[in-house]
Amino acid sequence: MTKEVDPIPQKSNKGLLIGILIVLVILIIAVIYFVASTSAGGLSSVLGGGAIDTNQFLRKMRDISLQNDDFSIPYNSITDKHFDNDAIVGRMTLEEGKPYVIATGRVDGWETYLEKTNVRDIGPEVIRSRVEIFETVDGAKTAFSDDYLWVYNDPDKEPDEILDENCKHGDECLLLYYEEITPGSTAMKVEWDIVFRYKNVVAWVIVRGSDIETQEQDAHDAAQIVLYSLEAID
């Protein structure tokens, strides 16, 4: 009489499938992280946080630029205007402006120019700002590079000092210092410029006036106002 052999119990395929799915998910996450971390935009660009939304910026760019109500003493608004690609091409010349717009993917911008209302008030005589948005973070990096940032290319605008170690605003930052002695007197005019990149935006802040009233900290304070506004829409 032949002895019946119990069939070998079969393991459930359900657990095996779950295990395979977990391994696949882990592999996909690892690949995404590797690609993102080695790309110029970083992981945040893959997750959607690498660049400021262009439409959001365009709606708010005037408010992001420095306005007279940003300061404790009164300033008159001399310039408060749209600074589009036509304007920057016109200011730079066609030969320089068009390649700049194409290479950087510049979208739009805004600029302001403020003058102190009361000469008796202590503070910079002039405060200027400009904010520009680019299609991508890489485009803004190109605009900030040695190839296109005018401080590196225009001998007429060469600063007396470049103090990048003193500049911590945004993702990249330069602090520029200029001084000029008024002919026929000992009075000195100084200018502190800060240019910084925050994601796909490049911002300029300029404070100018007598050396007694115009300090480096004035430029830092003004730049921080712009940076806070950018962070608020991000």
C-alpha atoms as a PDB file:
ATOM      1  CA  MET A   1       0.000   0.000   0.000  1.00  0.00           C
ATOM      2  CA  THR A   2       1.467   3.291  -1.089  1.00  0.00           C
ATOM      3  CA  LYS A   3       1.801   5.874   1.645  1.00  0.00           C
ATOM      4  CA  GLU A   4       0.287   9.220   0.754  1.00  0.00           C
ATOM      5  CA  VAL A   5       2.676  12.158   1.081  1.00  0.00           C
ATOM      6  CA  ASP A   6       1.263  15.437   2.300  1.00  0.00           C
ATOM      7  CA  PRO A   7       1.798  18.176  -0.263  1.00  0.00           C
ATOM      8  CA  ILE A   8       4.516  20.734   0.579  1.00  0.00           C
ATOM      9  CA  PRO A   9       2.756  23.811   1.872  1.00  0.00           C
ATOM     10  CA  GLN A  10       3.148  26.733  -0.537  1.00  0.00           C
ATOM     11  CA  LYS A  11       4.158  30.100   0.885  1.00  0.00           C
ATOM     12  CA  SER A  12       1.809  32.920   0.155  1.00  0.00           C
ATOM     13  CA  ASN A  13       2.885  35.096  -2.777  1.00  0.00           C
ATOM     14  CA  LYS A  14       1.390  38.173  -1.131  1.00  0.00           C
ATOM     15  CA  GLY A  15       4.269  38.758   1.256  1.00  0.00           C
ATOM     16  CA  LEU A  16       6.805  38.267  -1.531  1.00  0.00           C
ATOM     17  CA  LEU A  17       5.108  40.844  -3.726  1.00  0.00           C
ATOM     18  CA  ILE A  18       5.008  43.380  -0.911  1.00  0.00           C
ATOM     19  CA  GLY A  19       8.712  42.860  -0.321  1.00  0.00           C
ATOM     20  CA  ILE A  20       9.515  43.396  -4.005  1.00  0.00           C
ATOM     21  CA  LEU A  21       7.415  46.573  -4.095  1.00  0.00           C
ATOM     22  CA  ILE A  22       9.227  47.982  -1.052  1.00  0.00           C
ATOM     23  CA  VAL A  23      12.604  47.319  -2.653  1.00  0.00           C
ATOM     24  CA  LEU A  24      11.489  48.995  -5.904  1.00  0.00           C
ATOM     25  CA  VAL A  25      10.230  52.077  -4.058  1.00  0.00           C
ATOM     26  CA  ILE A  26      13.521  52.360  -2.174  1.00  0.00           C
ATOM     27  CA  LEU A  27      15.472  52.065  -5.437  1.00  0.00           C
ATOM     28  CA  ILE A  28      13.329  54.742  -7.136  1.00  0.00           C
ATOM     29  CA  ILE A  29      13.794  57.146  -4.213  1.00  0.00           C
ATOM     30  CA  ALA A  30      17.549  56.511  -4.255  1.00  0.00           C
ATOM     31  CA  VAL A  31      17.758  57.274  -7.993  1.00  0.00           C
ATOM     32  CA  ILE A  32      15.711  60.489  -7.637  1.00  0.00           C
ATOM     33  CA  TYR A  33      17.884  61.660  -4.749  1.00  0.00           C
ATOM     34  CA  PHE A  34      21.102  60.900  -6.655  1.00  0.00           C
ATOM     35  CA  VAL A  35      19.990  62.724  -9.803  1.00  0.00           C
ATOM     36  CA  ALA A  36      18.688  65.704  -7.834  1.00  0.00           C
ATOM     37  CA  SER A  37      21.735  66.041  -5.596  1.00  0.00           C
ATOM     38  CA  THR A  38      24.116  66.012  -8.569  1.00  0.00           C
ATOM     39  CA  SER A  39      22.124  68.465 -10.678  1.00  0.00           C
ATOM     40  CA  ALA A  40      22.692  72.240 -10.554  1.00  0.00           C
ATOM     41  CA  GLY A  41      19.289  72.860  -9.031  1.00  0.00           C
ATOM     42  CA  GLY A  42      19.666  70.293  -6.274  1.00  0.00           C
ATOM     43  CA  LEU A  43      16.978  68.173  -4.675  1.00  0.00           C
ATOM     44  CA  SER A  44      14.689  71.117  -4.134  1.00  0.00           C
ATOM     45  CA  SER A  45      14.333  71.655  -7.885  1.00  0.00           C
ATOM     46  CA  VAL A  46      12.973  68.113  -8.270  1.00  0.00           C
ATOM     47  CA  LEU A  47      10.529  68.581  -5.415  1.00  0.00           C
ATOM     48  CA  GLY A  48       9.321  71.908  -6.834  1.00  0.00           C
ATOM     49  CA  GLY A  49      11.015  74.228  -4.316  1.00  0.00           C
ATOM     50  CA  GLY A  50      14.081  75.191  -6.341  1.00  0.00           C
ATOM     51  CA  ALA A  51      12.736  78.360  -7.940  1.00  0.00           C
ATOM     52  CA  ILE A  52      10.370  81.158  -7.056  1.00  0.00           C
ATOM     53  CA  ASP A  53       7.171  81.014  -9.095  1.00  0.00           C
ATOM     54  CA  THR A  54       7.428  83.573 -11.895  1.00  0.00           C
ATOM     55  CA  ASN A  55       3.775  84.629 -11.834  1.00  0.00           C
ATOM     56  CA  GLN A  56       3.874  85.134  -8.089  1.00  0.00           C
ATOM     57  CA  PHE A  57       6.992  87.284  -8.430  1.00  0.00           C
ATOM     58  CA  LEU A  58       5.539  89.382 -11.236  1.00  0.00           C
ATOM     59  CA  ARG A  59       2.483  90.183  -9.119  1.00  0.00           C
ATOM     60  CA  LYS A  60       4.646  91.260  -6.186  1.00  0.00           C
ATOM     61  CA  MET A  61       7.851  92.634  -7.718  1.00  0.00           C
ATOM     62  CA  ARG A  62       7.063  96.281  -7.043  1.00  0.00           C
ATOM     63  CA  ASP A  63       6.488  95.517  -3.361  1.00  0.00           C
ATOM     64  CA  ILE A  64       9.675  93.423  -3.246  1.00  0.00           C
ATOM     65  CA  SER A  65      11.704  96.424  -4.432  1.00  0.00           C
ATOM     66  CA  LEU A  66      12.555  98.992  -1.777  1.00  0.00           C
ATOM     67  CA  GLN A  67       9.876 101.623  -1.223  1.00  0.00           C
ATOM     68  CA  ASN A  68       9.944 104.863   0.755  1.00  0.00           C
ATOM     69  CA  ASP A  69       7.808 103.401   3.545  1.00  0.00           C
ATOM     70  CA  ASP A  70      10.456 100.738   4.220  1.00  0.00           C
ATOM     71  CA  PHE A  71      12.585 103.247   6.148  1.00  0.00           C
ATOM     72  CA  SER A  72      12.328 105.163   9.384  1.00  0.00           C
ATOM     73  CA  ILE A  73      13.099 108.525   7.748  1.00  0.00           C
ATOM     74  CA  PRO A  74      11.144 109.911   4.766  1.00  0.00           C
ATOM     75  CA  TYR A  75      12.365 109.404   1.205  1.00  0.00           C
ATOM     76  CA  ASN A  76      10.979 110.736  -2.055  1.00  0.00           C
ATOM     77  CA  SER A  77      10.322 108.167  -4.760  1.00  0.00           C
ATOM     78  CA  ILE A  78      12.140 109.376  -7.886  1.00  0.00           C
ATOM     79  CA  THR A  79      11.976 106.146  -9.903  1.00  0.00           C
ATOM     80  CA  ASP A  80       9.530 103.317  -9.346  1.00  0.00           C
ATOM     81  CA  LYS A  81       9.158 101.447 -12.602  1.00  0.00           C
ATOM     82  CA  HIS A  82       8.980  98.257 -14.568  1.00  0.00           C
ATOM     83  CA  PHE A  83      12.436  97.185 -15.810  1.00  0.00           C
ATOM     84  CA  ASP A  84      11.708  94.686 -18.557  1.00  0.00           C
ATOM     85  CA  ASN A  85      14.027  93.075 -21.089  1.00  0.00           C
ATOM     86  CA  ASP A  86      13.666  95.977 -23.536  1.00  0.00           C
ATOM     87  CA  ALA A  87      14.872  98.332 -20.823  1.00  0.00           C
ATOM     88  CA  ILE A  88      17.906  96.256 -19.915  1.00  0.00           C
ATOM     89  CA  VAL A  89      18.865  95.753 -23.564  1.00  0.00           C
ATOM     90  CA  GLY A  90      18.609  99.508 -24.052  1.00  0.00           C
ATOM     91  CA  ARG A  91      20.783 100.179 -21.043  1.00  0.00           C
ATOM     92  CA  MET A  92      23.421  97.577 -21.924  1.00  0.00           C
ATOM     93  CA  THR A  93      23.475  98.088 -25.753  1.00  0.00           C
ATOM     94  CA  LEU A  94      22.100  95.602 -28.264  1.00  0.00           C
ATOM     95  CA  GLU A  95      25.406  93.761 -28.625  1.00  0.00           C
ATOM     96  CA  GLU A  96      25.569  93.004 -24.905  1.00  0.00           C
ATOM     97  CA  GLY A  97      21.935  93.090 -23.847  1.00  0.00           C
ATOM     98  CA  LYS A  98      20.417  90.508 -26.183  1.00  0.00           C
ATOM     99  CA  PRO A  99      23.035  87.806 -25.486  1.00  0.00           C
ATOM    100  CA  TYR A 100      22.587  88.493 -21.769  1.00  0.00           C
ATOM    101  CA  VAL A 101      18.817  87.988 -21.908  1.00  0.00           C
ATOM    102  CA  ILE A 102      19.162  84.822 -24.013  1.00  0.00           C
ATOM    103  CA  ALA A 103      21.977  83.276 -21.957  1.00  0.00           C
ATOM    104  CA  THR A 104      20.366  83.941 -18.586  1.00  0.00           C
ATOM    105  CA  GLY A 105      16.692  83.428 -19.432  1.00  0.00           C
ATOM    106  CA  ARG A 106      15.842  86.758 -17.846  1.00  0.00           C
ATOM    107  CA  VAL A 107      12.078  87.253 -17.547  1.00  0.00           C
ATOM    108  CA  ASP A 108      11.420  90.654 -15.995  1.00  0.00           C
ATOM    109  CA  GLY A 109      12.327  93.095 -13.231  1.00  0.00           C
ATOM    110  CA  TRP A 110      11.542  96.242 -11.262  1.00  0.00           C
ATOM    111  CA  GLU A 111      13.710  99.125 -10.051  1.00  0.00           C
ATOM    112  CA  THR A 112      13.335 101.988  -7.592  1.00  0.00           C
ATOM    113  CA  TYR A 113      15.320 105.135  -6.814  1.00  0.00           C
ATOM    114  CA  LEU A 114      14.738 107.010  -3.552  1.00  0.00           C
ATOM    115  CA  GLU A 115      16.145 110.348  -2.372  1.00  0.00           C
ATOM    116  CA  LYS A 116      16.167 111.558   1.222  1.00  0.00           C
ATOM    117  CA  THR A 117      13.420 114.123   1.782  1.00  0.00           C
ATOM    118  CA  ASN A 118      14.970 116.140   4.603  1.00  0.00           C
ATOM    119  CA  VAL A 119      18.695 116.904   4.488  1.00  0.00           C
ATOM    120  CA  ARG A 120      18.690 117.225   8.274  1.00  0.00           C
ATOM    121  CA  ASP A 121      17.781 113.572   8.718  1.00  0.00           C
ATOM    122  CA  ILE A 122      20.669 111.183   9.292  1.00  0.00           C
ATOM    123  CA  GLY A 123      20.875 108.452   6.701  1.00  0.00           C
ATOM    124  CA  PRO A 124      21.921 107.705   3.110  1.00  0.00           C
ATOM    125  CA  GLU A 125      21.085 110.410   0.601  1.00  0.00           C
ATOM    126  CA  VAL A 126      20.128 107.881  -2.072  1.00  0.00           C
ATOM    127  CA  ILE A 127      18.756 104.337  -1.892  1.00  0.00           C
ATOM    128  CA  ARG A 128      18.294 102.262  -5.025  1.00  0.00           C
ATOM    129  CA  SER A 129      17.075  98.750  -5.660  1.00  0.00           C
ATOM    130  CA  ARG A 130      16.441  96.380  -8.526  1.00  0.00           C
ATOM    131  CA  VAL A 131      15.012  92.873  -8.539  1.00  0.00           C
ATOM    132  CA  GLU A 132      15.165  90.573 -11.569  1.00  0.00           C
ATOM    133  CA  ILE A 133      13.687  87.124 -12.064  1.00  0.00           C
ATOM    134  CA  PHE A 134      15.030  84.422 -14.369  1.00  0.00           C
ATOM    135  CA  GLU A 135      13.351  81.318 -15.751  1.00  0.00           C
ATOM    136  CA  THR A 136      15.588  78.967 -13.767  1.00  0.00           C
ATOM    137  CA  VAL A 137      18.021  78.903 -10.879  1.00  0.00           C
ATOM    138  CA  ASP A 138      20.781  78.153 -13.391  1.00  0.00           C
ATOM    139  CA  GLY A 139      19.873  81.289 -15.339  1.00  0.00           C
ATOM    140  CA  ALA A 140      20.174  83.435 -12.217  1.00  0.00           C
ATOM    141  CA  LYS A 141      23.523  81.788 -11.456  1.00  0.00           C
ATOM    142  CA  THR A 142      24.695  82.710 -14.953  1.00  0.00           C
ATOM    143  CA  ALA A 143      23.593  86.311 -14.435  1.00  0.00           C
ATOM    144  CA  PHE A 144      25.576  86.344 -11.185  1.00  0.00           C
ATOM    145  CA  SER A 145      28.689  84.845 -12.778  1.00  0.00           C
ATOM    146  CA  ASP A 146      31.952  86.477 -13.805  1.00  0.00           C
ATOM    147  CA  ASP A 147      30.765  86.430 -17.419  1.00  0.00           C
ATOM    148  CA  TYR A 148      27.759  88.677 -16.932  1.00  0.00           C
ATOM    149  CA  LEU A 149      27.827  90.536 -13.625  1.00  0.00           C
ATOM    150  CA  TRP A 150      28.906  94.024 -14.644  1.00  0.00           C
ATOM    151  CA  VAL A 151      31.140  94.548 -11.630  1.00  0.00           C
ATOM    152  CA  TYR A 152      33.547  92.075 -13.233  1.00  0.00           C
ATOM    153  CA  ASN A 153      33.361  93.497 -16.747  1.00  0.00           C
ATOM    154  CA  ASP A 154      32.930  97.275 -16.644  1.00  0.00           C
ATOM    155  CA  PRO A 155      36.162  99.093 -15.709  1.00  0.00           C
ATOM    156  CA  ASP A 156      34.219 102.335 -15.188  1.00  0.00           C
ATOM    157  CA  LYS A 157      32.230 100.678 -12.389  1.00  0.00           C
ATOM    158  CA  GLU A 158      35.083  98.840 -10.721  1.00  0.00           C
ATOM    159  CA  PRO A 159      34.599  99.095  -6.935  1.00  0.00           C
ATOM    160  CA  ASP A 160      37.308 100.157  -4.514  1.00  0.00           C
ATOM    161  CA  GLU A 161      36.687  96.948  -2.596  1.00  0.00           C
ATOM    162  CA  ILE A 162      34.779  93.683  -3.061  1.00  0.00           C
ATOM    163  CA  LEU A 163      33.893  92.268   0.356  1.00  0.00           C
ATOM    164  CA  ASP A 164      32.122  89.008  -0.355  1.00  0.00           C
ATOM    165  CA  GLU A 165      33.092  87.555   3.011  1.00  0.00           C
ATOM    166  CA  ASN A 166      30.947  90.221   4.670  1.00  0.00           C
ATOM    167  CA  CYS A 167      27.867  89.304   2.647  1.00  0.00           C
ATOM    168  CA  LYS A 168      25.523  86.516   3.746  1.00  0.00           C
ATOM    169  CA  HIS A 169      22.224  87.406   2.062  1.00  0.00           C
ATOM    170  CA  GLY A 170      20.579  84.742  -0.097  1.00  0.00           C
ATOM    171  CA  ASP A 171      22.446  81.929  -1.851  1.00  0.00           C
ATOM    172  CA  GLU A 172      25.247  84.079  -3.304  1.00  0.00           C
ATOM    173  CA  CYS A 173      26.214  87.588  -2.275  1.00  0.00           C
ATOM    174  CA  LEU A 174      28.712  90.367  -2.972  1.00  0.00           C
ATOM    175  CA  LEU A 175      29.301  93.565  -1.015  1.00  0.00           C
ATOM    176  CA  LEU A 176      30.874  96.387  -3.037  1.00  0.00           C
ATOM    177  CA  TYR A 177      32.378  99.593  -1.685  1.00  0.00           C
ATOM    178  CA  TYR A 178      33.042 102.859  -3.543  1.00  0.00           C
ATOM    179  CA  GLU A 179      34.376 106.178  -2.297  1.00  0.00           C
ATOM    180  CA  GLU A 180      34.794 109.590  -3.900  1.00  0.00           C
ATOM    181  CA  ILE A 181      36.227 112.841  -2.557  1.00  0.00           C
ATOM    182  CA  THR A 182      34.322 115.900  -3.691  1.00  0.00           C
ATOM    183  CA  PRO A 183      36.659 118.178  -5.710  1.00  0.00           C
ATOM    184  CA  GLY A 184      37.740 121.256  -3.744  1.00  0.00           C
ATOM    185  CA  SER A 185      36.767 119.837  -0.351  1.00  0.00           C
ATOM    186  CA  THR A 186      37.598 117.107   2.109  1.00  0.00           C
ATOM    187  CA  ALA A 187      34.044 115.719   2.134  1.00  0.00           C
ATOM    188  CA  MET A 188      33.846 112.089   1.112  1.00  0.00           C
ATOM    189  CA  LYS A 189      30.952 110.367  -0.614  1.00  0.00           C
ATOM    190  CA  VAL A 190      30.652 106.636  -0.182  1.00  0.00           C
ATOM    191  CA  GLU A 191      28.501 103.952  -1.756  1.00  0.00           C
ATOM    192  CA  TRP A 192      27.739 100.478  -0.474  1.00  0.00           C
ATOM    193  CA  ASP A 193      26.229  98.046  -2.980  1.00  0.00           C
ATOM    194  CA  ILE A 194      24.916  94.584  -2.239  1.00  0.00           C
ATOM    195  CA  VAL A 195      24.033  92.200  -5.042  1.00  0.00           C
ATOM    196  CA  PHE A 196      22.694  88.815  -4.076  1.00  0.00           C
ATOM    197  CA  ARG A 197      21.019  85.810  -5.654  1.00  0.00           C
ATOM    198  CA  TYR A 198      18.109  84.069  -4.005  1.00  0.00           C
ATOM    199  CA  LYS A 199      17.096  81.014  -6.028  1.00  0.00           C
ATOM    200  CA  ASN A 200      16.150  82.351  -9.489  1.00  0.00           C
ATOM    201  CA  VAL A 201      16.118  86.038  -8.488  1.00  0.00           C
ATOM    202  CA  VAL A 202      19.017  88.510  -8.507  1.00  0.00           C
ATOM    203  CA  ALA A 203      18.618  91.642  -6.373  1.00  0.00           C
ATOM    204  CA  TRP A 204      20.624  94.871  -6.185  1.00  0.00           C
ATOM    205  CA  VAL A 205      20.607  97.291  -3.263  1.00  0.00           C
ATOM    206  CA  ILE A 206      22.623 100.541  -3.320  1.00  0.00           C
ATOM    207  CA  VAL A 207      23.011 103.169  -0.576  1.00  0.00           C
ATOM    208  CA  ARG A 208      24.948 106.370  -1.233  1.00  0.00           C
ATOM    209  CA  GLY A 209      25.778 109.496   0.747  1.00  0.00           C
ATOM    210  CA  SER A 210      28.353 111.141   2.986  1.00  0.00           C
ATOM    211  CA  ASP A 211      30.735 108.814   4.783  1.00  0.00           C
ATOM    212  CA  ILE A 212      29.419 110.108   8.121  1.00  0.00           C
ATOM    213  CA  GLU A 213      25.798 109.199   7.390  1.00  0.00           C
ATOM    214  CA  THR A 214      26.123 106.193   5.109  1.00  0.00           C
ATOM    215  CA  GLN A 215      27.326 102.974   6.697  1.00  0.00           C
ATOM    216  CA  GLU A 216      27.790  99.404   5.555  1.00  0.00           C
ATOM    217  CA  GLN A 217      24.993  98.347   7.887  1.00  0.00           C
ATOM    218  CA  ASP A 218      22.551 100.544   5.933  1.00  0.00           C
ATOM    219  CA  ALA A 219      23.132  98.362   2.881  1.00  0.00           C
ATOM    220  CA  HIS A 220      22.733  95.157   4.886  1.00  0.00           C
ATOM    221  CA  ASP A 221      19.486  96.390   6.424  1.00  0.00           C
ATOM    222  CA  ALA A 222      18.088  97.327   3.013  1.00  0.00           C
ATOM    223  CA  ALA A 223      19.140  94.002   1.462  1.00  0.00           C
ATOM    224  CA  GLN A 224      17.498  92.114   4.289  1.00  0.00           C
ATOM    225  CA  ILE A 225      14.201  93.903   3.630  1.00  0.00           C
ATOM    226  CA  VAL A 226      14.298  92.673   0.033  1.00  0.00           C
ATOM    227  CA  LEU A 227      15.270  89.147   1.087  1.00  0.00           C
ATOM    228  CA  TYR A 228      12.420  88.940   3.616  1.00  0.00           C
ATOM    229  CA  SER A 229       9.992  89.958   0.854  1.00  0.00           C
ATOM    230  CA  LEU A 230      11.347  87.258  -1.467  1.00  0.00           C
ATOM    231  CA  GLU A 231      11.104  84.612   1.238  1.00  0.00           C
ATOM    232  CA  ALA A 232       7.520  85.664   1.929  1.00  0.00           C
ATOM    233  CA  ILE A 233       6.381  84.780  -1.607  1.00  0.00           C
ATOM    234  CA  ASP A 234       8.479  81.603  -1.860  1.00  0.00           C
END
